[in-house]
C-alpha atoms as a PDB file:
ATOM      1  CA  UNK A   1      -0.322  -0.135   0.243  1.00  0.00           C
ATOM      2  CA  UNK A   2       3.000   2.534  -0.722  1.00  0.00           C
ATOM      3  CA  UNK A   3       1.515   6.500  -1.477  1.00  0.00           C
ATOM      4  CA  UNK A   4       2.820   8.041  -4.075  1.00  0.00           C
ATOM      5  CA  UNK A   5       4.916  10.033  -0.865  1.00  0.00           C
ATOM      6  CA  UNK A   6       6.768   6.391  -1.366  1.00  0.00           C
ATOM      7  CA  UNK A   7       7.687   6.430  -4.561  1.00  0.00           C
ATOM      8  CA  UNK A   8      11.427   5.733  -5.339  1.00  0.00           C
ATOM      9  CA  UNK A   9      13.181   8.073  -7.900  1.00  0.00           C
ATOM     10  CA  UNK A  10      13.888   4.721 -10.599  1.00  0.00           C
ATOM     11  CA  UNK A  11       9.978   4.976 -10.626  1.00  0.00           C
ATOM     12  CA  UNK A  12       9.833   8.500 -11.422  1.00  0.00           C
ATOM     13  CA  UNK A  13      12.430   8.205 -13.856  1.00  0.00           C
ATOM     14  CA  UNK A  14      11.978   5.823 -15.009  1.00  0.00           C
ATOM     15  CA  UNK A  15       8.020   6.740 -16.464  1.00  0.00           C
ATOM     16  CA  UNK A  16       9.097  10.325 -17.596  1.00  0.00           C
ATOM     17  CA  UNK A  17      12.211   8.844 -19.904  1.00  0.00           C
ATOM     18  CA  UNK A  18       9.077   6.976 -21.315  1.00  0.00           C
ATOM     19  CA  UNK A  19       6.880   9.668 -22.141  1.00  0.00           C
ATOM     20  CA  UNK A  20       9.344  11.702 -23.397  1.00  0.00           C
ATOM     21  CA  UNK A  21      10.973   9.368 -25.810  1.00  0.00           C
ATOM     22  CA  UNK A  22       7.484   8.441 -26.923  1.00  0.00           C
ATOM     23  CA  UNK A  23       6.395  12.292 -27.499  1.00  0.00           C
ATOM     24  CA  UNK A  24       8.868  12.828 -29.330  1.00  0.00           C
ATOM     25  CA  UNK A  25       8.599   9.726 -32.082  1.00  0.00           C
ATOM     26  CA  UNK A  26      12.174   8.055 -30.877  1.00  0.00           C
ATOM     27  CA  UNK A  27      12.324   4.650 -30.080  1.00  0.00           C
ATOM     28  CA  UNK A  28      12.652   3.686 -26.796  1.00  0.00           C
ATOM     29  CA  UNK A  29      16.287   3.081 -25.273  1.00  0.00           C
ATOM     30  CA  UNK A  30      16.812  -0.774 -23.257  1.00  0.00           C
ATOM     31  CA  UNK A  31      16.042   1.267 -19.422  1.00  0.00           C
ATOM     32  CA  UNK A  32      13.034   2.784 -20.957  1.00  0.00           C
ATOM     33  CA  UNK A  33      11.651  -0.452 -22.903  1.00  0.00           C
ATOM     34  CA  UNK A  34      11.235  -2.112 -19.545  1.00  0.00           C
ATOM     35  CA  UNK A  35       8.103  -2.942 -18.460  1.00  0.00           C
ATOM     36  CA  UNK A  36       9.310  -1.414 -14.722  1.00  0.00           C
ATOM     37  CA  UNK A  37      11.602   0.622 -13.076  1.00  0.00           C
ATOM     38  CA  UNK A  38      15.094  -1.414 -11.800  1.00  0.00           C
ATOM     39  CA  UNK A  39      14.367  -0.303  -7.770  1.00  0.00           C
ATOM     40  CA  UNK A  40      17.958  -1.428  -5.893  1.00  0.00           C
ATOM     41  CA  UNK A  41      16.993  -1.318  -2.411  1.00  0.00           C
ATOM     42  CA  UNK A  42      19.157  -1.868   0.980  1.00  0.00           C
ATOM     43  CA  UNK A  43      17.692  -3.963   3.490  1.00  0.00           C
ATOM     44  CA  UNK A  44      18.827  -3.401   6.970  1.00  0.00           C
ATOM     45  CA  UNK A  45      18.990  -6.134   9.684  1.00  0.00           C
ATOM     46  CA  UNK A  46      15.454  -7.072  10.728  1.00  0.00           C
ATOM     47  CA  UNK A  47      14.412 -10.026  11.277  1.00  0.00           C
ATOM     48  CA  UNK A  48      10.430 -11.704  10.526  1.00  0.00           C
ATOM     49  CA  UNK A  49       8.605 -13.959  13.291  1.00  0.00           C
ATOM     50  CA  UNK A  50       5.423 -16.139  13.087  1.00  0.00           C
ATOM     51  CA  UNK A  51       2.242 -15.105  15.735  1.00  0.00           C
ATOM     52  CA  UNK A  52       3.872 -17.421  18.102  1.00  0.00           C
ATOM     53  CA  UNK A  53       6.973 -15.536  18.310  1.00  0.00           C
ATOM     54  CA  UNK A  54       5.286 -12.544  18.129  1.00  0.00           C
ATOM     55  CA  UNK A  55       2.697 -13.574  21.314  1.00  0.00           C
ATOM     56  CA  UNK A  56       5.557 -14.979  23.146  1.00  0.00           C
ATOM     57  CA  UNK A  57       7.478 -11.595  23.169  1.00  0.00           C
ATOM     58  CA  UNK A  58       4.616  -8.940  22.949  1.00  0.00           C
ATOM     59  CA  UNK A  59       1.132 -10.916  25.373  1.00  0.00           C
ATOM     60  CA  UNK A  60      -0.906 -13.202  24.392  1.00  0.00           C
ATOM     61  CA  UNK A  61      -3.381 -11.756  20.868  1.00  0.00           C
ATOM     62  CA  UNK A  62      -0.626  -8.940  20.413  1.00  0.00           C
ATOM     63  CA  UNK A  63      -1.194  -7.708  16.330  1.00  0.00           C
ATOM     64  CA  UNK A  64       2.023  -5.859  14.902  1.00  0.00           C
ATOM     65  CA  UNK A  65       1.515  -2.594  13.437  1.00  0.00           C
ATOM     66  CA  UNK A  66       2.992  -1.313  11.116  1.00  0.00           C
ATOM     67  CA  UNK A  67       4.916   1.663  10.944  1.00  0.00           C
ATOM     68  CA  UNK A  68       5.971   1.923   7.381  1.00  0.00           C
ATOM     69  CA  UNK A  69       4.871   0.255   3.905  1.00  0.00           C
ATOM     70  CA  UNK A  70       7.674  -1.115   2.001  1.00  0.00           C
ATOM     71  CA  UNK A  71       8.180  -1.413  -1.622  1.00  0.00           C
ATOM     72  CA  UNK A  72       6.391  -4.645  -1.644  1.00  0.00           C
ATOM     73  CA  UNK A  73       3.089  -4.802  -1.707  1.00  0.00           C
ATOM     74  CA  UNK A  74       1.553  -5.434   1.506  1.00  0.00           C
ATOM     75  CA  UNK A  75       4.931  -5.913   3.707  1.00  0.00           C
ATOM     76  CA  UNK A  76       5.087  -3.016   6.096  1.00  0.00           C
ATOM     77  CA  UNK A  77       7.814  -2.483   9.376  1.00  0.00           C
ATOM     78  CA  UNK A  78       6.199  -2.620  11.824  1.00  0.00           C
ATOM     79  CA  UNK A  79       6.201   0.004  14.629  1.00  0.00           C
ATOM     80  CA  UNK A  80       7.572  -3.266  17.462  1.00  0.00           C
ATOM     81  CA  UNK A  81      10.970  -4.000  17.549  1.00  0.00           C
ATOM     82  CA  UNK A  82      12.939  -7.088  19.791  1.00  0.00           C
ATOM     83  CA  UNK A  83      16.154  -7.932  21.368  1.00  0.00           C
ATOM     84  CA  UNK A  84      18.105 -10.619  20.081  1.00  0.00           C
ATOM     85  CA  UNK A  85      20.895 -12.236  22.414  1.00  0.00           C
ATOM     86  CA  UNK A  86      24.020 -13.741  20.038  1.00  0.00           C
ATOM     87  CA  UNK A  87      26.354 -16.155  21.341  1.00  0.00           C
ATOM     88  CA  UNK A  88      28.478 -14.007  23.275  1.00  0.00           C
ATOM     89  CA  UNK A  89      25.663 -13.032  24.971  1.00  0.00           C
ATOM     90  CA  UNK A  90      26.114 -10.124  23.574  1.00  0.00           C
ATOM     91  CA  UNK A  91      23.022  -7.916  22.024  1.00  0.00           C
ATOM     92  CA  UNK A  92      20.977  -6.112  19.131  1.00  0.00           C
ATOM     93  CA  UNK A  93      18.830  -3.696  20.606  1.00  0.00           C
ATOM     94  CA  UNK A  94      16.162  -2.784  18.719  1.00  0.00           C
ATOM     95  CA  UNK A  95      16.039  -5.571  15.977  1.00  0.00           C
ATOM     96  CA  UNK A  96      13.159  -3.964  13.959  1.00  0.00           C
ATOM     97  CA  UNK A  97      10.100  -6.435  12.291  1.00  0.00           C
ATOM     98  CA  UNK A  98       9.170  -6.929   9.317  1.00  0.00           C
ATOM     99  CA  UNK A  99       5.287  -7.393   8.418  1.00  0.00           C
ATOM    100  CA  UNK A 100       3.218  -9.060   8.404  1.00  0.00           C
ATOM    101  CA  UNK A 101       3.864 -12.624  10.502  1.00  0.00           C
ATOM    102  CA  UNK A 102       5.159 -15.741   9.246  1.00  0.00           C
ATOM    103  CA  UNK A 103       4.617 -19.075   9.479  1.00  0.00           C
ATOM    104  CA  UNK A 104       8.258 -19.420  10.447  1.00  0.00           C
ATOM    105  CA  UNK A 105      11.023 -17.475  12.141  1.00  0.00           C
ATOM    106  CA  UNK A 106      13.909 -15.522  10.703  1.00  0.00           C
ATOM    107  CA  UNK A 107      17.012 -12.711  11.443  1.00  0.00           C
ATOM    108  CA  UNK A 108      17.919 -11.384   8.949  1.00  0.00           C
ATOM    109  CA  UNK A 109      21.880  -9.906   9.468  1.00  0.00           C
ATOM    110  CA  UNK A 110      24.516  -8.098   7.485  1.00  0.00           C
ATOM    111  CA  UNK A 111      28.222  -9.895   7.915  1.00  0.00           C
ATOM    112  CA  UNK A 112      29.808  -7.363   9.967  1.00  0.00           C
ATOM    113  CA  UNK A 113      26.735  -7.530  12.287  1.00  0.00           C
ATOM    114  CA  UNK A 114      27.498 -10.757  12.596  1.00  0.00           C
ATOM    115  CA  UNK A 115      31.250 -11.503  13.390  1.00  0.00           C
ATOM    116  CA  UNK A 116      30.032  -8.696  16.428  1.00  0.00           C
ATOM    117  CA  UNK A 117      27.080 -11.063  17.888  1.00  0.00           C
ATOM    118  CA  UNK A 118      29.880 -14.420  17.277  1.00  0.00           C
ATOM    119  CA  UNK A 119      27.770 -15.454  14.762  1.00  0.00           C
ATOM    120  CA  UNK A 120      29.205 -17.588  12.294  1.00  0.00           C
ATOM    121  CA  UNK A 121      25.709 -17.380   9.499  1.00  0.00           C
ATOM    122  CA  UNK A 122      25.442 -18.955   5.791  1.00  0.00           C
ATOM    123  CA  UNK A 123      24.030 -17.433   3.250  1.00  0.00           C
ATOM    124  CA  UNK A 124      20.777 -18.383   2.263  1.00  0.00           C
ATOM    125  CA  UNK A 125      17.733 -17.003   0.825  1.00  0.00           C
ATOM    126  CA  UNK A 126      15.322 -16.323   2.165  1.00  0.00           C
ATOM    127  CA  UNK A 127      12.734 -19.569   4.274  1.00  0.00           C
ATOM    128  CA  UNK A 128      15.526 -21.310   3.707  1.00  0.00           C
ATOM    129  CA  UNK A 129      16.449 -22.242   7.516  1.00  0.00           C
ATOM    130  CA  UNK A 130      16.858 -25.807   8.434  1.00  0.00           C
ATOM    131  CA  UNK A 131      20.895 -26.479   9.680  1.00  0.00           C
ATOM    132  CA  UNK A 132      21.241 -22.157   9.965  1.00  0.00           C
ATOM    133  CA  UNK A 133      22.064 -20.847  13.834  1.00  0.00           C
ATOM    134  CA  UNK A 134      19.241 -19.573  16.631  1.00  0.00           C
ATOM    135  CA  UNK A 135      19.161 -17.199  19.067  1.00  0.00           C
ATOM    136  CA  UNK A 136      17.224 -15.677  21.903  1.00  0.00           C
ATOM    137  CA  UNK A 137      14.862 -12.470  21.089  1.00  0.00           C
ATOM    138  CA  UNK A 138      13.758 -10.598  24.237  1.00  0.00           C
ATOM    139  CA  UNK A 139      10.290  -8.349  23.923  1.00  0.00           C
ATOM    140  CA  UNK A 140       8.022  -6.367  26.369  1.00  0.00           C
ATOM    141  CA  UNK A 141       7.008 -10.015  27.661  1.00  0.00           C
ATOM    142  CA  UNK A 142       9.006 -12.358  27.656  1.00  0.00           C
ATOM    143  CA  UNK A 143      12.239 -14.601  25.556  1.00  0.00           C
ATOM    144  CA  UNK A 144      11.900 -16.285  22.814  1.00  0.00           C
ATOM    145  CA  UNK A 145      14.021 -18.543  21.806  1.00  0.00           C
ATOM    146  CA  UNK A 146      15.206 -19.401  18.267  1.00  0.00           C
ATOM    147  CA  UNK A 147      16.232 -22.974  17.312  1.00  0.00           C
ATOM    148  CA  UNK A 148      17.115 -22.219  14.229  1.00  0.00           C
ATOM    149  CA  UNK A 149      16.763 -19.049  11.625  1.00  0.00           C
ATOM    150  CA  UNK A 150      19.542 -16.757  11.933  1.00  0.00           C
ATOM    151  CA  UNK A 151      21.399 -16.225   8.058  1.00  0.00           C
ATOM    152  CA  UNK A 152      23.153 -13.451   5.679  1.00  0.00           C
ATOM    153  CA  UNK A 153      20.292 -12.665   3.299  1.00  0.00           C
ATOM    154  CA  UNK A 154      21.659 -13.727  -0.931  1.00  0.00           C
ATOM    155  CA  UNK A 155      21.691 -11.377  -2.843  1.00  0.00           C
ATOM    156  CA  UNK A 156      18.187 -11.125  -4.935  1.00  0.00           C
ATOM    157  CA  UNK A 157      15.653 -10.157  -7.057  1.00  0.00           C
ATOM    158  CA  UNK A 158      11.707  -9.814  -6.965  1.00  0.00           C
ATOM    159  CA  UNK A 159      10.018 -10.003  -9.853  1.00  0.00           C
ATOM    160  CA  UNK A 160       6.961 -10.213 -12.308  1.00  0.00           C
ATOM    161  CA  UNK A 161       6.092 -12.368 -14.740  1.00  0.00           C
ATOM    162  CA  UNK A 162       5.993  -9.908 -17.291  1.00  0.00           C
ATOM    163  CA  UNK A 163       9.549  -8.712 -15.190  1.00  0.00           C
ATOM    164  CA  UNK A 164      10.714 -11.989 -16.065  1.00  0.00           C
ATOM    165  CA  UNK A 165       9.239 -11.998 -19.142  1.00  0.00           C
ATOM    166  CA  UNK A 166      11.500  -8.804 -20.559  1.00  0.00           C
ATOM    167  CA  UNK A 167      14.940 -10.252 -19.576  1.00  0.00           C
ATOM    168  CA  UNK A 168      14.257 -13.513 -20.498  1.00  0.00           C
ATOM    169  CA  UNK A 169      14.820 -15.793 -17.638  1.00  0.00           C
ATOM    170  CA  UNK A 170      12.464 -17.873 -14.582  1.00  0.00           C
ATOM    171  CA  UNK A 171      11.874 -17.581 -10.947  1.00  0.00           C
ATOM    172  CA  UNK A 172      15.499 -18.807  -9.574  1.00  0.00           C
ATOM    173  CA  UNK A 173      17.955 -18.302 -12.325  1.00  0.00           C
ATOM    174  CA  UNK A 174      20.786 -16.241 -11.516  1.00  0.00           C
ATOM    175  CA  UNK A 175      21.011 -13.469 -13.048  1.00  0.00           C
ATOM    176  CA  UNK A 176      24.217  -9.936 -12.178  1.00  0.00           C
ATOM    177  CA  UNK A 177      22.882  -6.807 -10.752  1.00  0.00           C
ATOM    178  CA  UNK A 178      25.933  -3.920 -12.406  1.00  0.00           C
ATOM    179  CA  UNK A 179      26.278  -0.491  -9.999  1.00  0.00           C
ATOM    180  CA  UNK A 180      27.796   2.489 -11.751  1.00  0.00           C
ATOM    181  CA  UNK A 181      28.839   5.179  -9.797  1.00  0.00           C
ATOM    182  CA  UNK A 182      31.525   6.413  -7.958  1.00  0.00           C
ATOM    183  CA  UNK A 183      32.342   2.778  -6.658  1.00  0.00           C
ATOM    184  CA  UNK A 184      31.381   0.202  -9.514  1.00  0.00           C
ATOM    185  CA  UNK A 185      30.584  -3.046  -8.023  1.00  0.00           C
ATOM    186  CA  UNK A 186      28.583  -6.481  -9.497  1.00  0.00           C
ATOM    187  CA  UNK A 187      27.742  -8.569  -8.140  1.00  0.00           C
ATOM    188  CA  UNK A 188      27.045 -11.682  -9.541  1.00  0.00           C
ATOM    189  CA  UNK A 189      25.140 -14.288  -7.662  1.00  0.00           C
ATOM    190  CA  UNK A 190      21.607 -12.916  -7.645  1.00  0.00           C
ATOM    191  CA  UNK A 191      18.734 -15.008  -7.164  1.00  0.00           C
ATOM    192  CA  UNK A 192      16.241 -14.353  -9.235  1.00  0.00           C
ATOM    193  CA  UNK A 193      12.680 -14.326  -7.804  1.00  0.00           C
ATOM    194  CA  UNK A 194       9.475 -14.539  -9.229  1.00  0.00           C
ATOM    195  CA  UNK A 195       5.599 -13.950  -8.141  1.00  0.00           C
ATOM    196  CA  UNK A 196       2.469 -12.014  -9.655  1.00  0.00           C
ATOM    197  CA  UNK A 197       2.931 -10.338  -6.179  1.00  0.00           C
ATOM    198  CA  UNK A 198       5.916  -8.477  -6.684  1.00  0.00           C
ATOM    199  CA  UNK A 199       7.566  -5.481  -8.078  1.00  0.00           C
ATOM    200  CA  UNK A 200      11.127  -5.272  -9.631  1.00  0.00           C
ATOM    201  CA  UNK A 201      13.136  -4.982  -6.951  1.00  0.00           C
ATOM    202  CA  UNK A 202      17.014  -6.068  -6.082  1.00  0.00           C
ATOM    203  CA  UNK A 203      17.453  -6.108  -2.273  1.00  0.00           C
ATOM    204  CA  UNK A 204      21.223  -5.761  -1.193  1.00  0.00           C
ATOM    205  CA  UNK A 205      22.241  -5.774   2.496  1.00  0.00           C
ATOM    206  CA  UNK A 206      24.166  -2.378   4.336  1.00  0.00           C
ATOM    207  CA  UNK A 207      27.340  -4.173   4.074  1.00  0.00           C
ATOM    208  CA  UNK A 208      26.721  -4.816   0.244  1.00  0.00           C
ATOM    209  CA  UNK A 209      25.461  -1.332  -0.126  1.00  0.00           C
ATOM    210  CA  UNK A 210      28.160   0.360   1.295  1.00  0.00           C
ATOM    211  CA  UNK A 211      30.242  -1.106  -0.860  1.00  0.00           C
ATOM    212  CA  UNK A 212      29.020   0.136  -3.438  1.00  0.00           C
ATOM    213  CA  UNK A 213      27.197   3.669  -1.763  1.00  0.00           C
ATOM    214  CA  UNK A 214      24.822   2.936  -3.479  1.00  0.00           C
ATOM    215  CA  UNK A 215      22.580   6.242  -3.329  1.00  0.00           C
ATOM    216  CA  UNK A 216      18.844   7.088  -4.749  1.00  0.00           C
ATOM    217  CA  UNK A 217      20.511   8.881  -7.856  1.00  0.00           C
ATOM    218  CA  UNK A 218      23.007   5.888  -8.675  1.00  0.00           C
ATOM    219  CA  UNK A 219      22.243   4.107 -11.642  1.00  0.00           C
ATOM    220  CA  UNK A 220      22.341   0.118 -11.746  1.00  0.00           C
ATOM    221  CA  UNK A 221      21.224  -2.321 -14.422  1.00  0.00           C
ATOM    222  CA  UNK A 222      20.392  -6.212 -14.281  1.00  0.00           C
ATOM    223  CA  UNK A 223      22.311  -8.373 -17.435  1.00  0.00           C
ATOM    224  CA  UNK A 224      21.758 -12.094 -17.513  1.00  0.00           C
END
């Protein structure tokens, strides 16, 4: 449920570029010919929780409170946060919960977060949590122990089937993300995730975003 104030710069530029070329009767360049603008966002550390976990941490019957709607339809950053306790009893306070609730519990950290907490975490796709480390979470109403679910999220791109057809890829294919600018970087192992509910959006973590100095005006492109 993104409002107009939440429309990313890349989407606005894409629409303007398309209209200008059409008005001038010129052939559309590759960037304008794509069905949707490519949005690249940095995904900071966060957690996805099940209803069971939310009730253990915040009390019976508790419901998450949307604070900010995210780019993907129906997804939001909740007002609620938790404290994560790592293997060395080191903690991260105010770990943001993303809603709505899921049927599994998962923590997504950057590499530097994991080092600070004492975790040895694998790079995994969201939902692939078998055999991953667990942790303890603290909330205002109690504790919740996760036996598994702490990961470093693999860089990935959300695509609508129209986008997948344009780029000639399928669900779980691998692409490259070329980030231009002052610190050009190419991410080689970008996993494609295709679903009719998705908008075209790449997610990288804070370490990856800092490494390429990603900003709202940084030009990025997907390469098959």
